């Protein structure tokens, strides 16, 4: 038989991150620290390099988030829709990385997908993910997109760091850490 070479897909790295988070719940904060750097680099590159189609991809991911948020029952959460929202949220961040044009960042965001989903789920564990809450999160993501469209690197970085800070605050609350 001949050996075949396949394109790496990040599954091993993703499995490592999931294992780390499951063995040490506080490892989500380590992931969050790494994410800060990656997200800032990602939005900076998107501000510099995003094409119209790249921006359309980010807009489509945001539209998917809004669609799920609007389908959430008013005044209460729904676990299935909450998971769908989290998946759309991760796709938004992947689309930003893709719009930036750096293949390594795209690979890392794809590899981190399951760990990010775990972190998002934990950060919202004790929050009622109501329609209003999710629409507010969509607006925050919309600010990131607007800054990327305007090619405003500093504002885009600040907006994405604000998203991560909110997520970290929710994680701390869900874990009883002050």
C-alpha atoms as a PDB file:
ATOM      1  CA  UNK A   1       0.000   0.000   0.000  1.00  0.00           C
ATOM      2  CA  UNK A   2       0.974   3.539  -0.557  1.00  0.00           C
ATOM      3  CA  UNK A   3       0.914   6.118   2.154  1.00  0.00           C
ATOM      4  CA  UNK A   4      -1.612   8.899   1.787  1.00  0.00           C
ATOM      5  CA  UNK A   5      -1.168  12.371   3.078  1.00  0.00           C
ATOM      6  CA  UNK A   6      -4.249  14.116   4.360  1.00  0.00           C
ATOM      7  CA  UNK A   7      -4.831  17.733   5.181  1.00  0.00           C
ATOM      8  CA  UNK A   8      -4.600  18.354   8.946  1.00  0.00           C
ATOM      9  CA  UNK A   9      -7.965  19.144  10.485  1.00  0.00           C
ATOM     10  CA  UNK A  10      -7.116  20.140  14.042  1.00  0.00           C
ATOM     11  CA  UNK A  11      -8.983  17.211  15.583  1.00  0.00           C
ATOM     12  CA  UNK A  12      -6.051  16.263  17.808  1.00  0.00           C
ATOM     13  CA  UNK A  13      -5.581  19.817  19.047  1.00  0.00           C
ATOM     14  CA  UNK A  14      -9.313  20.151  19.637  1.00  0.00           C
ATOM     15  CA  UNK A  15      -9.363  16.858  21.549  1.00  0.00           C
ATOM     16  CA  UNK A  16      -6.447  18.079  23.676  1.00  0.00           C
ATOM     17  CA  UNK A  17      -8.308  21.296  24.550  1.00  0.00           C
ATOM     18  CA  UNK A  18     -11.520  19.414  25.425  1.00  0.00           C
ATOM     19  CA  UNK A  19      -9.547  16.990  27.584  1.00  0.00           C
ATOM     20  CA  UNK A  20      -7.805  19.847  29.340  1.00  0.00           C
ATOM     21  CA  UNK A  21     -11.092  21.604  30.099  1.00  0.00           C
ATOM     22  CA  UNK A  22     -12.721  18.402  31.348  1.00  0.00           C
ATOM     23  CA  UNK A  23      -9.790  17.533  33.614  1.00  0.00           C
ATOM     24  CA  UNK A  24      -9.470  21.081  34.981  1.00  0.00           C
ATOM     25  CA  UNK A  25     -12.536  23.321  34.705  1.00  0.00           C
ATOM     26  CA  UNK A  26     -10.385  26.415  35.312  1.00  0.00           C
ATOM     27  CA  UNK A  27      -8.524  25.667  32.073  1.00  0.00           C
ATOM     28  CA  UNK A  28     -11.285  27.570  30.276  1.00  0.00           C
ATOM     29  CA  UNK A  29      -9.561  30.703  31.588  1.00  0.00           C
ATOM     30  CA  UNK A  30      -6.288  29.569  30.000  1.00  0.00           C
ATOM     31  CA  UNK A  31      -8.150  29.118  26.732  1.00  0.00           C
ATOM     32  CA  UNK A  32      -9.705  32.546  27.178  1.00  0.00           C
ATOM     33  CA  UNK A  33      -6.260  34.146  27.568  1.00  0.00           C
ATOM     34  CA  UNK A  34      -5.083  32.529  24.344  1.00  0.00           C
ATOM     35  CA  UNK A  35      -8.320  33.490  22.692  1.00  0.00           C
ATOM     36  CA  UNK A  36      -7.727  37.166  23.523  1.00  0.00           C
ATOM     37  CA  UNK A  37      -4.562  37.188  21.437  1.00  0.00           C
ATOM     38  CA  UNK A  38      -6.034  35.157  18.603  1.00  0.00           C
ATOM     39  CA  UNK A  39      -9.247  37.203  18.428  1.00  0.00           C
ATOM     40  CA  UNK A  40      -7.389  40.523  18.372  1.00  0.00           C
ATOM     41  CA  UNK A  41      -5.104  39.254  15.623  1.00  0.00           C
ATOM     42  CA  UNK A  42      -8.096  37.866  13.765  1.00  0.00           C
ATOM     43  CA  UNK A  43     -10.111  41.108  13.756  1.00  0.00           C
ATOM     44  CA  UNK A  44      -6.993  43.145  12.962  1.00  0.00           C
ATOM     45  CA  UNK A  45      -6.312  41.020   9.891  1.00  0.00           C
ATOM     46  CA  UNK A  46      -9.981  41.115   8.928  1.00  0.00           C
ATOM     47  CA  UNK A  47      -9.881  44.934   9.094  1.00  0.00           C
ATOM     48  CA  UNK A  48      -6.895  44.921   6.765  1.00  0.00           C
ATOM     49  CA  UNK A  49      -7.761  42.102   4.393  1.00  0.00           C
ATOM     50  CA  UNK A  50     -11.480  41.312   4.359  1.00  0.00           C
ATOM     51  CA  UNK A  51     -13.019  41.225   0.913  1.00  0.00           C
ATOM     52  CA  UNK A  52     -16.684  41.831   0.226  1.00  0.00           C
ATOM     53  CA  UNK A  53     -17.278  38.066   0.211  1.00  0.00           C
ATOM     54  CA  UNK A  54     -15.367  37.693   3.475  1.00  0.00           C
ATOM     55  CA  UNK A  55     -17.546  40.343   5.086  1.00  0.00           C
ATOM     56  CA  UNK A  56     -20.628  38.639   3.629  1.00  0.00           C
ATOM     57  CA  UNK A  57     -19.525  35.427   5.364  1.00  0.00           C
ATOM     58  CA  UNK A  58     -19.284  37.219   8.711  1.00  0.00           C
ATOM     59  CA  UNK A  59     -22.670  38.856   8.088  1.00  0.00           C
ATOM     60  CA  UNK A  60     -24.190  35.441   7.311  1.00  0.00           C
ATOM     61  CA  UNK A  61     -22.848  34.041  10.586  1.00  0.00           C
ATOM     62  CA  UNK A  62     -24.294  37.020  12.471  1.00  0.00           C
ATOM     63  CA  UNK A  63     -27.623  36.557  10.663  1.00  0.00           C
ATOM     64  CA  UNK A  64     -27.664  32.921  11.832  1.00  0.00           C
ATOM     65  CA  UNK A  65     -27.099  34.106  15.413  1.00  0.00           C
ATOM     66  CA  UNK A  66     -29.964  36.589  15.099  1.00  0.00           C
ATOM     67  CA  UNK A  67     -32.272  33.973  13.601  1.00  0.00           C
ATOM     68  CA  UNK A  68     -31.716  31.617  16.522  1.00  0.00           C
ATOM     69  CA  UNK A  69     -32.060  34.475  19.024  1.00  0.00           C
ATOM     70  CA  UNK A  70     -35.397  35.544  17.527  1.00  0.00           C
ATOM     71  CA  UNK A  71     -36.640  31.942  17.692  1.00  0.00           C
ATOM     72  CA  UNK A  72     -35.876  31.766  21.433  1.00  0.00           C
ATOM     73  CA  UNK A  73     -39.074  31.789  23.506  1.00  0.00           C
ATOM     74  CA  UNK A  74     -39.701  35.196  25.057  1.00  0.00           C
ATOM     75  CA  UNK A  75     -38.640  35.537  28.694  1.00  0.00           C
ATOM     76  CA  UNK A  76     -37.111  32.074  29.036  1.00  0.00           C
ATOM     77  CA  UNK A  77     -34.378  29.884  27.640  1.00  0.00           C
ATOM     78  CA  UNK A  78     -34.448  26.782  25.484  1.00  0.00           C
ATOM     79  CA  UNK A  79     -31.441  24.441  25.678  1.00  0.00           C
ATOM     80  CA  UNK A  80     -31.607  23.295  22.060  1.00  0.00           C
ATOM     81  CA  UNK A  81     -31.782  26.835  20.721  1.00  0.00           C
ATOM     82  CA  UNK A  82     -29.081  27.854  23.190  1.00  0.00           C
ATOM     83  CA  UNK A  83     -26.736  25.255  21.701  1.00  0.00           C
ATOM     84  CA  UNK A  84     -27.647  26.383  18.184  1.00  0.00           C
ATOM     85  CA  UNK A  85     -26.850  29.952  19.190  1.00  0.00           C
ATOM     86  CA  UNK A  86     -23.468  28.881  20.573  1.00  0.00           C
ATOM     87  CA  UNK A  87     -22.638  27.076  17.309  1.00  0.00           C
ATOM     88  CA  UNK A  88     -23.588  30.176  15.312  1.00  0.00           C
ATOM     89  CA  UNK A  89     -21.474  32.303  17.671  1.00  0.00           C
ATOM     90  CA  UNK A  90     -18.424  30.103  17.041  1.00  0.00           C
ATOM     91  CA  UNK A  91     -19.080  30.295  13.285  1.00  0.00           C
ATOM     92  CA  UNK A  92     -19.054  34.102  13.567  1.00  0.00           C
ATOM     93  CA  UNK A  93     -15.550  34.032  15.060  1.00  0.00           C
ATOM     94  CA  UNK A  94     -14.395  31.494  12.474  1.00  0.00           C
ATOM     95  CA  UNK A  95     -15.772  33.718   9.699  1.00  0.00           C
ATOM     96  CA  UNK A  96     -13.824  36.694  11.051  1.00  0.00           C
ATOM     97  CA  UNK A  97     -10.643  34.580  10.986  1.00  0.00           C
ATOM     98  CA  UNK A  98     -11.427  33.426   7.460  1.00  0.00           C
ATOM     99  CA  UNK A  99     -12.031  37.016   6.341  1.00  0.00           C
ATOM    100  CA  UNK A 100      -8.610  37.944   7.713  1.00  0.00           C
ATOM    101  CA  UNK A 101      -6.975  35.517   5.333  1.00  0.00           C
ATOM    102  CA  UNK A 102      -4.514  33.830   7.689  1.00  0.00           C
ATOM    103  CA  UNK A 103      -4.794  30.064   7.203  1.00  0.00           C
ATOM    104  CA  UNK A 104      -3.130  29.274  10.531  1.00  0.00           C
ATOM    105  CA  UNK A 105      -5.670  31.376  12.423  1.00  0.00           C
ATOM    106  CA  UNK A 106      -8.497  29.705  10.526  1.00  0.00           C
ATOM    107  CA  UNK A 107      -7.048  26.301  11.447  1.00  0.00           C
ATOM    108  CA  UNK A 108      -6.752  27.291  15.119  1.00  0.00           C
ATOM    109  CA  UNK A 109     -10.314  28.595  15.299  1.00  0.00           C
ATOM    110  CA  UNK A 110     -11.600  25.409  13.677  1.00  0.00           C
ATOM    111  CA  UNK A 111      -9.533  23.306  16.078  1.00  0.00           C
ATOM    112  CA  UNK A 112     -10.831  25.267  19.074  1.00  0.00           C
ATOM    113  CA  UNK A 113     -14.482  24.905  18.045  1.00  0.00           C
ATOM    114  CA  UNK A 114     -15.518  22.217  20.519  1.00  0.00           C
ATOM    115  CA  UNK A 115     -13.548  23.803  23.371  1.00  0.00           C
ATOM    116  CA  UNK A 116     -15.131  27.185  22.628  1.00  0.00           C
ATOM    117  CA  UNK A 117     -18.574  25.597  22.606  1.00  0.00           C
ATOM    118  CA  UNK A 118     -17.819  24.063  25.996  1.00  0.00           C
ATOM    119  CA  UNK A 119     -16.669  27.434  27.311  1.00  0.00           C
ATOM    120  CA  UNK A 120     -19.739  29.216  25.921  1.00  0.00           C
ATOM    121  CA  UNK A 121     -22.009  26.618  27.489  1.00  0.00           C
ATOM    122  CA  UNK A 122     -20.303  26.980  30.847  1.00  0.00           C
ATOM    123  CA  UNK A 123     -20.346  30.765  30.716  1.00  0.00           C
ATOM    124  CA  UNK A 124     -24.099  30.737  30.213  1.00  0.00           C
ATOM    125  CA  UNK A 125     -24.895  27.888  32.578  1.00  0.00           C
ATOM    126  CA  UNK A 126     -26.604  30.052  35.204  1.00  0.00           C
ATOM    127  CA  UNK A 127     -27.881  32.688  32.809  1.00  0.00           C
ATOM    128  CA  UNK A 128     -31.344  32.455  31.375  1.00  0.00           C
ATOM    129  CA  UNK A 129     -30.614  32.777  27.707  1.00  0.00           C
ATOM    130  CA  UNK A 130     -33.713  34.664  26.798  1.00  0.00           C
ATOM    131  CA  UNK A 131     -34.461  36.196  23.440  1.00  0.00           C
ATOM    132  CA  UNK A 132     -33.529  39.612  24.826  1.00  0.00           C
ATOM    133  CA  UNK A 133     -30.179  38.405  26.166  1.00  0.00           C
ATOM    134  CA  UNK A 134     -29.234  36.679  22.932  1.00  0.00           C
ATOM    135  CA  UNK A 135     -30.284  39.656  20.814  1.00  0.00           C
ATOM    136  CA  UNK A 136     -28.054  41.821  23.013  1.00  0.00           C
ATOM    137  CA  UNK A 137     -25.143  39.444  22.359  1.00  0.00           C
ATOM    138  CA  UNK A 138     -25.911  39.725  18.634  1.00  0.00           C
ATOM    139  CA  UNK A 139     -25.701  43.509  18.878  1.00  0.00           C
ATOM    140  CA  UNK A 140     -22.266  43.223  20.515  1.00  0.00           C
ATOM    141  CA  UNK A 141     -21.116  40.955  17.698  1.00  0.00           C
ATOM    142  CA  UNK A 142     -22.628  43.400  15.212  1.00  0.00           C
ATOM    143  CA  UNK A 143     -20.388  46.110  16.667  1.00  0.00           C
ATOM    144  CA  UNK A 144     -17.345  43.944  15.933  1.00  0.00           C
ATOM    145  CA  UNK A 145     -18.514  43.491  12.349  1.00  0.00           C
ATOM    146  CA  UNK A 146     -19.222  47.208  11.922  1.00  0.00           C
ATOM    147  CA  UNK A 147     -15.702  48.083  13.067  1.00  0.00           C
ATOM    148  CA  UNK A 148     -14.217  45.494  10.715  1.00  0.00           C
ATOM    149  CA  UNK A 149     -16.266  46.940   7.849  1.00  0.00           C
ATOM    150  CA  UNK A 150     -15.002  50.420   8.765  1.00  0.00           C
ATOM    151  CA  UNK A 151     -11.429  49.040   8.852  1.00  0.00           C
ATOM    152  CA  UNK A 152     -11.080  50.392  12.400  1.00  0.00           C
ATOM    153  CA  UNK A 153      -8.573  47.964  13.912  1.00  0.00           C
ATOM    154  CA  UNK A 154      -8.490  49.511  17.385  1.00  0.00           C
ATOM    155  CA  UNK A 155     -12.277  49.647  17.788  1.00  0.00           C
ATOM    156  CA  UNK A 156     -12.670  46.108  16.422  1.00  0.00           C
ATOM    157  CA  UNK A 157     -10.067  44.820  18.892  1.00  0.00           C
ATOM    158  CA  UNK A 158     -11.753  46.627  21.788  1.00  0.00           C
ATOM    159  CA  UNK A 159     -15.156  45.259  20.784  1.00  0.00           C
ATOM    160  CA  UNK A 160     -13.944  41.668  20.557  1.00  0.00           C
ATOM    161  CA  UNK A 161     -12.092  41.983  23.871  1.00  0.00           C
ATOM    162  CA  UNK A 162     -15.326  43.234  25.403  1.00  0.00           C
ATOM    163  CA  UNK A 163     -17.088  40.072  24.187  1.00  0.00           C
ATOM    164  CA  UNK A 164     -14.403  37.912  25.780  1.00  0.00           C
ATOM    165  CA  UNK A 165     -14.487  39.901  29.034  1.00  0.00           C
ATOM    166  CA  UNK A 166     -18.258  39.382  29.280  1.00  0.00           C
ATOM    167  CA  UNK A 167     -17.804  35.678  28.651  1.00  0.00           C
ATOM    168  CA  UNK A 168     -15.114  35.476  31.340  1.00  0.00           C
ATOM    169  CA  UNK A 169     -17.339  37.318  33.834  1.00  0.00           C
ATOM    170  CA  UNK A 170     -20.128  34.840  33.101  1.00  0.00           C
ATOM    171  CA  UNK A 171     -17.690  31.944  33.555  1.00  0.00           C
ATOM    172  CA  UNK A 172     -16.529  33.300  36.889  1.00  0.00           C
ATOM    173  CA  UNK A 173     -20.121  33.691  38.046  1.00  0.00           C
ATOM    174  CA  UNK A 174     -21.027  30.182  36.913  1.00  0.00           C
ATOM    175  CA  UNK A 175     -18.037  28.762  38.799  1.00  0.00           C
ATOM    176  CA  UNK A 176     -18.567  30.859  41.923  1.00  0.00           C
ATOM    177  CA  UNK A 177     -15.303  32.765  41.423  1.00  0.00           C
ATOM    178  CA  UNK A 178     -15.270  36.454  42.285  1.00  0.00           C
END
